């Protein structure tokens, strides 16, 4: 299954605003906009190799910090 993520030609990212005690989340979607990763925005990023993003933790965190809420956009690292 991990090969699927690595072979994605394009990925998209979106920040979802949490409410009350629910934290903000990040969604990563494939080229067909199918959800492939969902994690808390405030937690350290783990298992990025599953998504073909290992070694790009710093760049991904910078993208996450600059994302507007609710707007899906191409993930460019």
PDB file of N, CA and C in Angstrom:
ATOM      1  N   UNK A   1       0.814  -1.191   0.000  1.00  0.00           N
ATOM      2  CA  UNK A   1       0.000   0.000   0.000  1.00  0.00           C
ATOM      3  C   UNK A   1       0.858   1.255   0.000  1.00  0.00           C
ATOM      4  N   UNK A   2       2.000   1.243   0.642  1.00  0.00           N
ATOM      5  CA  UNK A   2       2.821   2.446   0.699  1.00  0.00           C
ATOM      6  C   UNK A   2       3.328   2.842  -0.677  1.00  0.00           C
ATOM      7  N   UNK A   3       3.503   1.903  -1.583  1.00  0.00           N
ATOM      8  CA  UNK A   3       3.927   2.229  -2.929  1.00  0.00           C
ATOM      9  C   UNK A   3       2.932   3.116  -3.644  1.00  0.00           C
ATOM     10  N   UNK A   4       1.668   2.976  -3.312  1.00  0.00           N
ATOM     11  CA  UNK A   4       0.624   3.812  -3.905  1.00  0.00           C
ATOM     12  C   UNK A   4       0.902   5.283  -3.636  1.00  0.00           C
ATOM     13  N   UNK A   5       1.236   5.607  -2.388  1.00  0.00           N
ATOM     14  CA  UNK A   5       1.464   6.994  -2.028  1.00  0.00           C
ATOM     15  C   UNK A   5       2.698   7.545  -2.716  1.00  0.00           C
ATOM     16  N   UNK A   6       3.747   6.771  -2.766  1.00  0.00           N
ATOM     17  CA  UNK A   6       4.988   7.222  -3.386  1.00  0.00           C
ATOM     18  C   UNK A   6       4.779   7.482  -4.871  1.00  0.00           C
ATOM     19  N   UNK A   7       3.892   6.731  -5.506  1.00  0.00           N
ATOM     20  CA  UNK A   7       3.667   6.865  -6.941  1.00  0.00           C
ATOM     21  C   UNK A   7       2.675   7.961  -7.319  1.00  0.00           C
ATOM     22  N   UNK A   8       2.131   8.675  -6.343  1.00  0.00           N
ATOM     23  CA  UNK A   8       1.230   9.779  -6.660  1.00  0.00           C
ATOM     24  C   UNK A   8       2.006  10.841  -7.423  1.00  0.00           C
ATOM     25  N   UNK A   9       1.448  11.306  -8.522  1.00  0.00           N
ATOM     26  CA  UNK A   9       2.120  12.331  -9.296  1.00  0.00           C
ATOM     27  C   UNK A   9       1.867  13.712  -8.711  1.00  0.00           C
ATOM     28  N   UNK A  10       0.756  13.884  -8.036  1.00  0.00           N
ATOM     29  CA  UNK A  10       0.415  15.175  -7.469  1.00  0.00           C
ATOM     30  C   UNK A  10      -0.339  14.935  -6.171  1.00  0.00           C
ATOM     31  N   UNK A  11      -0.041  15.752  -5.161  1.00  0.00           N
ATOM     32  CA  UNK A  11      -0.767  15.661  -3.896  1.00  0.00           C
ATOM     33  C   UNK A  11      -1.301  17.040  -3.552  1.00  0.00           C
ATOM     34  N   UNK A  12      -2.364  17.040  -2.770  1.00  0.00           N
ATOM     35  CA  UNK A  12      -3.001  18.273  -2.329  1.00  0.00           C
ATOM     36  C   UNK A  12      -3.027  18.289  -0.813  1.00  0.00           C
ATOM     37  N   UNK A  13      -3.082  19.486  -0.243  1.00  0.00           N
ATOM     38  CA  UNK A  13      -3.080  19.633   1.203  1.00  0.00           C
ATOM     39  C   UNK A  13      -4.135  20.658   1.595  1.00  0.00           C
ATOM     40  N   UNK A  14      -4.744  20.450   2.777  1.00  0.00           N
ATOM     41  CA  UNK A  14      -5.746  21.366   3.293  1.00  0.00           C
ATOM     42  C   UNK A  14      -5.684  21.355   4.815  1.00  0.00           C
ATOM     43  N   UNK A  15      -5.843  22.531   5.418  1.00  0.00           N
ATOM     44  CA  UNK A  15      -5.904  22.646   6.876  1.00  0.00           C
ATOM     45  C   UNK A  15      -7.362  22.813   7.270  1.00  0.00           C
ATOM     46  N   UNK A  16      -7.810  21.976   8.222  1.00  0.00           N
ATOM     47  CA  UNK A  16      -9.189  21.993   8.686  1.00  0.00           C
ATOM     48  C   UNK A  16      -9.209  22.599  10.091  1.00  0.00           C
ATOM     49  N   UNK A  17     -10.009  23.639  10.285  1.00  0.00           N
ATOM     50  CA  UNK A  17     -10.090  24.332  11.564  1.00  0.00           C
ATOM     51  C   UNK A  17     -10.883  23.512  12.570  1.00  0.00           C
ATOM     52  N   UNK A  18     -10.276  23.300  13.728  1.00  0.00           N
ATOM     53  CA  UNK A  18     -10.963  22.613  14.809  1.00  0.00           C
ATOM     54  C   UNK A  18     -11.882  23.575  15.549  1.00  0.00           C
ATOM     55  N   UNK A  19     -12.780  23.018  16.345  1.00  0.00           N
ATOM     56  CA  UNK A  19     -13.705  23.836  17.136  1.00  0.00           C
ATOM     57  C   UNK A  19     -13.642  23.380  18.582  1.00  0.00           C
ATOM     58  N   UNK A  20     -13.704  24.334  19.486  1.00  0.00           N
ATOM     59  CA  UNK A  20     -13.680  24.071  20.926  1.00  0.00           C
ATOM     60  C   UNK A  20     -12.477  23.202  21.284  1.00  0.00           C
ATOM     61  N   UNK A  21     -12.708  21.978  21.735  1.00  0.00           N
ATOM     62  CA  UNK A  21     -11.615  21.099  22.148  1.00  0.00           C
ATOM     63  C   UNK A  21     -11.060  20.248  21.006  1.00  0.00           C
ATOM     64  N   UNK A  22     -11.629  20.377  19.822  1.00  0.00           N
ATOM     65  CA  UNK A  22     -11.158  19.605  18.671  1.00  0.00           C
ATOM     66  C   UNK A  22     -10.024  20.392  18.012  1.00  0.00           C
ATOM     67  N   UNK A  23      -8.851  19.781  17.849  1.00  0.00           N
ATOM     68  CA  UNK A  23      -7.709  20.502  17.282  1.00  0.00           C
ATOM     69  C   UNK A  23      -7.827  20.684  15.763  1.00  0.00           C
ATOM     70  N   UNK A  24      -6.954  21.522  15.230  1.00  0.00           N
ATOM     71  CA  UNK A  24      -6.847  21.685  13.782  1.00  0.00           C
ATOM     72  C   UNK A  24      -6.228  20.417  13.192  1.00  0.00           C
ATOM     73  N   UNK A  25      -6.666  20.042  12.005  1.00  0.00           N
ATOM     74  CA  UNK A  25      -6.146  18.853  11.323  1.00  0.00           C
ATOM     75  C   UNK A  25      -5.648  19.219   9.937  1.00  0.00           C
ATOM     76  N   UNK A  26      -4.764  18.369   9.427  1.00  0.00           N
ATOM     77  CA  UNK A  26      -4.236  18.495   8.072  1.00  0.00           C
ATOM     78  C   UNK A  26      -4.716  17.299   7.268  1.00  0.00           C
ATOM     79  N   UNK A  27      -5.174  17.554   6.057  1.00  0.00           N
ATOM     80  CA  UNK A  27      -5.538  16.483   5.131  1.00  0.00           C
ATOM     81  C   UNK A  27      -4.560  16.521   3.963  1.00  0.00           C
ATOM     82  N   UNK A  28      -4.070  15.359   3.580  1.00  0.00           N
ATOM     83  CA  UNK A  28      -3.286  15.232   2.352  1.00  0.00           C
ATOM     84  C   UNK A  28      -4.074  14.319   1.437  1.00  0.00           C
ATOM     85  N   UNK A  29      -4.256  14.761   0.205  1.00  0.00           N
ATOM     86  CA  UNK A  29      -5.064  14.025  -0.773  1.00  0.00           C
ATOM     87  C   UNK A  29      -4.238  13.748  -2.019  1.00  0.00           C
ATOM     88  N   UNK A  30      -4.597  12.665  -2.716  1.00  0.00           N
ATOM     89  CA  UNK A  30      -3.871  12.306  -3.935  1.00  0.00           C
ATOM     90  C   UNK A  30      -4.397  13.109  -5.127  1.00  0.00           C
ATOM     91  N   UNK A  31      -3.906  12.776  -6.325  1.00  0.00           N
ATOM     92  CA  UNK A  31      -4.277  13.532  -7.525  1.00  0.00           C
ATOM     93  C   UNK A  31      -5.764  13.453  -7.846  1.00  0.00           C
ATOM     94  N   UNK A  32      -6.462  12.452  -7.304  1.00  0.00           N
ATOM     95  CA  UNK A  32      -7.913  12.331  -7.492  1.00  0.00           C
ATOM     96  C   UNK A  32      -8.684  12.925  -6.329  1.00  0.00           C
ATOM     97  N   UNK A  33      -7.990  13.619  -5.451  1.00  0.00           N
ATOM     98  CA  UNK A  33      -8.545  14.259  -4.253  1.00  0.00           C
ATOM     99  C   UNK A  33      -9.043  13.240  -3.225  1.00  0.00           C
ATOM    100  N   UNK A  34      -8.535  12.013  -3.288  1.00  0.00           N
ATOM    101  CA  UNK A  34      -8.868  10.973  -2.314  1.00  0.00           C
ATOM    102  C   UNK A  34      -7.977  11.175  -1.092  1.00  0.00           C
ATOM    103  N   UNK A  35      -8.574  11.148   0.082  1.00  0.00           N
ATOM    104  CA  UNK A  35      -7.844  11.347   1.334  1.00  0.00           C
ATOM    105  C   UNK A  35      -6.836  10.222   1.546  1.00  0.00           C
ATOM    106  N   UNK A  36      -5.552  10.594   1.721  1.00  0.00           N
ATOM    107  CA  UNK A  36      -4.522   9.580   1.959  1.00  0.00           C
ATOM    108  C   UNK A  36      -3.843   9.762   3.307  1.00  0.00           C
ATOM    109  N   UNK A  37      -3.972  10.951   3.912  1.00  0.00           N
ATOM    110  CA  UNK A  37      -3.378  11.185   5.233  1.00  0.00           C
ATOM    111  C   UNK A  37      -4.205  12.230   5.955  1.00  0.00           C
ATOM    112  N   UNK A  38      -4.319  12.049   7.275  1.00  0.00           N
ATOM    113  CA  UNK A  38      -5.111  12.937   8.115  1.00  0.00           C
ATOM    114  C   UNK A  38      -4.416  12.964   9.458  1.00  0.00           C
ATOM    115  N   UNK A  39      -3.918  14.118   9.881  1.00  0.00           N
ATOM    116  CA  UNK A  39      -3.202  14.187  11.151  1.00  0.00           C
ATOM    117  C   UNK A  39      -3.364  15.565  11.772  1.00  0.00           C
ATOM    118  N   UNK A  40      -3.111  15.625  13.089  1.00  0.00           N
ATOM    119  CA  UNK A  40      -3.213  16.881  13.812  1.00  0.00           C
ATOM    120  C   UNK A  40      -2.132  17.848  13.360  1.00  0.00           C
ATOM    121  N   UNK A  41      -2.499  19.102  13.229  1.00  0.00           N
ATOM    122  CA  UNK A  41      -1.560  20.118  12.773  1.00  0.00           C
ATOM    123  C   UNK A  41      -0.507  20.435  13.827  1.00  0.00           C
ATOM    124  N   UNK A  42      -0.818  20.184  15.097  1.00  0.00           N
ATOM    125  CA  UNK A  42       0.095  20.553  16.177  1.00  0.00           C
ATOM    126  C   UNK A  42       0.982  19.412  16.656  1.00  0.00           C
ATOM    127  N   UNK A  43       0.881  18.263  16.048  1.00  0.00           N
ATOM    128  CA  UNK A  43       1.683  17.109  16.466  1.00  0.00           C
ATOM    129  C   UNK A  43       2.874  16.927  15.541  1.00  0.00           C
ATOM    130  N   UNK A  44       3.951  16.373  16.086  1.00  0.00           N
ATOM    131  CA  UNK A  44       5.094  16.069  15.213  1.00  0.00           C
ATOM    132  C   UNK A  44       4.674  15.131  14.084  1.00  0.00           C
ATOM    133  N   UNK A  45       5.244  15.332  12.933  1.00  0.00           N
ATOM    134  CA  UNK A  45       4.902  14.527  11.767  1.00  0.00           C
ATOM    135  C   UNK A  45       5.614  13.185  11.859  1.00  0.00           C
ATOM    136  N   UNK A  46       4.856  12.108  11.714  1.00  0.00           N
ATOM    137  CA  UNK A  46       5.409  10.764  11.815  1.00  0.00           C
ATOM    138  C   UNK A  46       5.056   9.967  10.568  1.00  0.00           C
ATOM    139  N   UNK A  47       5.827   8.935  10.318  1.00  0.00           N
ATOM    140  CA  UNK A  47       5.543   7.987   9.233  1.00  0.00           C
ATOM    141  C   UNK A  47       5.403   8.651   7.864  1.00  0.00           C
ATOM    142  N   UNK A  48       6.195   9.664   7.615  1.00  0.00           N
ATOM    143  CA  UNK A  48       6.090  10.359   6.330  1.00  0.00           C
ATOM    144  C   UNK A  48       6.540   9.506   5.158  1.00  0.00           C
ATOM    145  N   UNK A  49       7.329   8.471   5.433  1.00  0.00           N
ATOM    146  CA  UNK A  49       7.759   7.599   4.334  1.00  0.00           C
ATOM    147  C   UNK A  49       6.568   6.898   3.691  1.00  0.00           C
ATOM    148  N   UNK A  50       5.484   6.695   4.454  1.00  0.00           N
ATOM    149  CA  UNK A  50       4.279   6.083   3.885  1.00  0.00           C
ATOM    150  C   UNK A  50       3.707   6.930   2.758  1.00  0.00           C
ATOM    151  N   UNK A  51       3.951   8.233   2.821  1.00  0.00           N
ATOM    152  CA  UNK A  51       3.372   9.150   1.852  1.00  0.00           C
ATOM    153  C   UNK A  51       4.393   9.664   0.843  1.00  0.00           C
ATOM    154  N   UNK A  52       5.605   9.114   0.889  1.00  0.00           N
ATOM    155  CA  UNK A  52       6.649   9.543  -0.020  1.00  0.00           C
ATOM    156  C   UNK A  52       7.233  10.906   0.350  1.00  0.00           C
ATOM    157  N   UNK A  53       7.106  11.289   1.628  1.00  0.00           N
ATOM    158  CA  UNK A  53       7.552  12.605   2.072  1.00  0.00           C
ATOM    159  C   UNK A  53       8.681  12.542   3.091  1.00  0.00           C
ATOM    160  N   UNK A  54       9.312  11.381   3.259  1.00  0.00           N
ATOM    161  CA  UNK A  54      10.389  11.291   4.241  1.00  0.00           C
ATOM    162  C   UNK A  54      11.539  12.214   3.848  1.00  0.00           C
ATOM    163  N   UNK A  55      12.139  12.821   4.858  1.00  0.00           N
ATOM    164  CA  UNK A  55      13.208  13.775   4.631  1.00  0.00           C
ATOM    165  C   UNK A  55      12.722  15.180   4.321  1.00  0.00           C
ATOM    166  N   UNK A  56      11.407  15.379   4.301  1.00  0.00           N
ATOM    167  CA  UNK A  56      10.839  16.692   3.961  1.00  0.00           C
ATOM    168  C   UNK A  56      10.019  17.258   5.117  1.00  0.00           C
ATOM    169  N   UNK A  57      10.345  16.835   6.337  1.00  0.00           N
ATOM    170  CA  UNK A  57       9.585  17.252   7.511  1.00  0.00           C
ATOM    171  C   UNK A  57       9.599  18.770   7.699  1.00  0.00           C
ATOM    172  N   UNK A  58      10.768  19.376   7.551  1.00  0.00           N
ATOM    173  CA  UNK A  58      10.892  20.825   7.761  1.00  0.00           C
ATOM    174  C   UNK A  58      10.086  21.593   6.711  1.00  0.00           C
ATOM    175  N   UNK A  59      10.214  21.182   5.461  1.00  0.00           N
ATOM    176  CA  UNK A  59       9.475  21.849   4.387  1.00  0.00           C
ATOM    177  C   UNK A  59       7.967  21.686   4.565  1.00  0.00           C
ATOM    178  N   UNK A  60       7.537  20.478   4.952  1.00  0.00           N
ATOM    179  CA  UNK A  60       6.110  20.226   5.153  1.00  0.00           C
ATOM    180  C   UNK A  60       5.579  21.047   6.314  1.00  0.00           C
ATOM    181  N   UNK A  61       6.325  21.155   7.393  1.00  0.00           N
ATOM    182  CA  UNK A  61       5.877  21.949   8.534  1.00  0.00           C
ATOM    183  C   UNK A  61       5.758  23.418   8.143  1.00  0.00           C
ATOM    184  N   UNK A  62       6.677  23.912   7.323  1.00  0.00           N
ATOM    185  CA  UNK A  62       6.596  25.301   6.859  1.00  0.00           C
ATOM    186  C   UNK A  62       5.335  25.522   6.019  1.00  0.00           C
ATOM    187  N   UNK A  63       5.007  24.565   5.157  1.00  0.00           N
ATOM    188  CA  UNK A  63       3.784  24.654   4.353  1.00  0.00           C
ATOM    189  C   UNK A  63       2.563  24.667   5.265  1.00  0.00           C
ATOM    190  N   UNK A  64       2.537  23.756   6.241  1.00  0.00           N
ATOM    191  CA  UNK A  64       1.401  23.661   7.171  1.00  0.00           C
ATOM    192  C   UNK A  64       1.216  24.975   7.924  1.00  0.00           C
ATOM    193  N   UNK A  65       2.302  25.561   8.387  1.00  0.00           N
ATOM    194  CA  UNK A  65       2.212  26.813   9.148  1.00  0.00           C
ATOM    195  C   UNK A  65       1.644  27.952   8.313  1.00  0.00           C
ATOM    196  N   UNK A  66       1.871  27.945   7.016  1.00  0.00           N
ATOM    197  CA  UNK A  66       1.386  29.009   6.146  1.00  0.00           C
ATOM    198  C   UNK A  66       0.053  28.755   5.477  1.00  0.00           C
ATOM    199  N   UNK A  67      -0.553  27.591   5.738  1.00  0.00           N
ATOM    200  CA  UNK A  67      -1.813  27.244   5.062  1.00  0.00           C
ATOM    201  C   UNK A  67      -2.994  28.036   5.611  1.00  0.00           C
ATOM    202  N   UNK A  68      -3.857  28.517   4.720  1.00  0.00           N
ATOM    203  CA  UNK A  68      -5.128  29.076   5.184  1.00  0.00           C
ATOM    204  C   UNK A  68      -6.078  27.909   5.504  1.00  0.00           C
ATOM    205  N   UNK A  69      -7.034  28.137   6.342  1.00  0.00           N
ATOM    206  CA  UNK A  69      -8.000  27.098   6.676  1.00  0.00           C
ATOM    207  C   UNK A  69      -9.005  26.899   5.547  1.00  0.00           C
ATOM    208  N   UNK A  70      -9.329  25.627   5.288  1.00  0.00           N
ATOM    209  CA  UNK A  70     -10.410  25.281   4.375  1.00  0.00           C
ATOM    210  C   UNK A  70     -10.138  25.437   2.893  1.00  0.00           C
ATOM    211  N   UNK A  71      -8.889  25.699   2.509  1.00  0.00           N
ATOM    212  CA  UNK A  71      -8.594  25.870   1.088  1.00  0.00           C
ATOM    213  C   UNK A  71      -7.656  24.755   0.640  1.00  0.00           C
ATOM    214  N   UNK A  72      -8.138  23.887  -0.245  1.00  0.00           N
ATOM    215  CA  UNK A  72      -7.302  22.819  -0.756  1.00  0.00           C
ATOM    216  C   UNK A  72      -6.368  23.393  -1.815  1.00  0.00           C
ATOM    217  N   UNK A  73      -5.113  22.989  -1.748  1.00  0.00           N
ATOM    218  CA  UNK A  73      -4.139  23.489  -2.712  1.00  0.00           C
ATOM    219  C   UNK A  73      -3.098  22.425  -2.993  1.00  0.00           C
ATOM    220  N   UNK A  74      -2.417  22.532  -4.113  1.00  0.00           N
ATOM    221  CA  UNK A  74      -1.376  21.553  -4.427  1.00  0.00           C
ATOM    222  C   UNK A  74      -0.282  21.579  -3.360  1.00  0.00           C
ATOM    223  N   UNK A  75       0.219  20.406  -3.015  1.00  0.00           N
ATOM    224  CA  UNK A  75       1.321  20.300  -2.058  1.00  0.00           C
ATOM    225  C   UNK A  75       2.625  20.407  -2.843  1.00  0.00           C
ATOM    226  N   UNK A  76       3.295  21.534  -2.631  1.00  0.00           N
ATOM    227  CA  UNK A  76       4.559  21.791  -3.314  1.00  0.00           C
ATOM    228  C   UNK A  76       5.640  21.941  -2.256  1.00  0.00           C
ATOM    229  N   UNK A  77       6.621  21.035  -2.296  1.00  0.00           N
ATOM    230  CA  UNK A  77       7.717  21.085  -1.319  1.00  0.00           C
ATOM    231  C   UNK A  77       9.023  21.381  -2.009  1.00  0.00           C
TER     232      UNK A  77
END
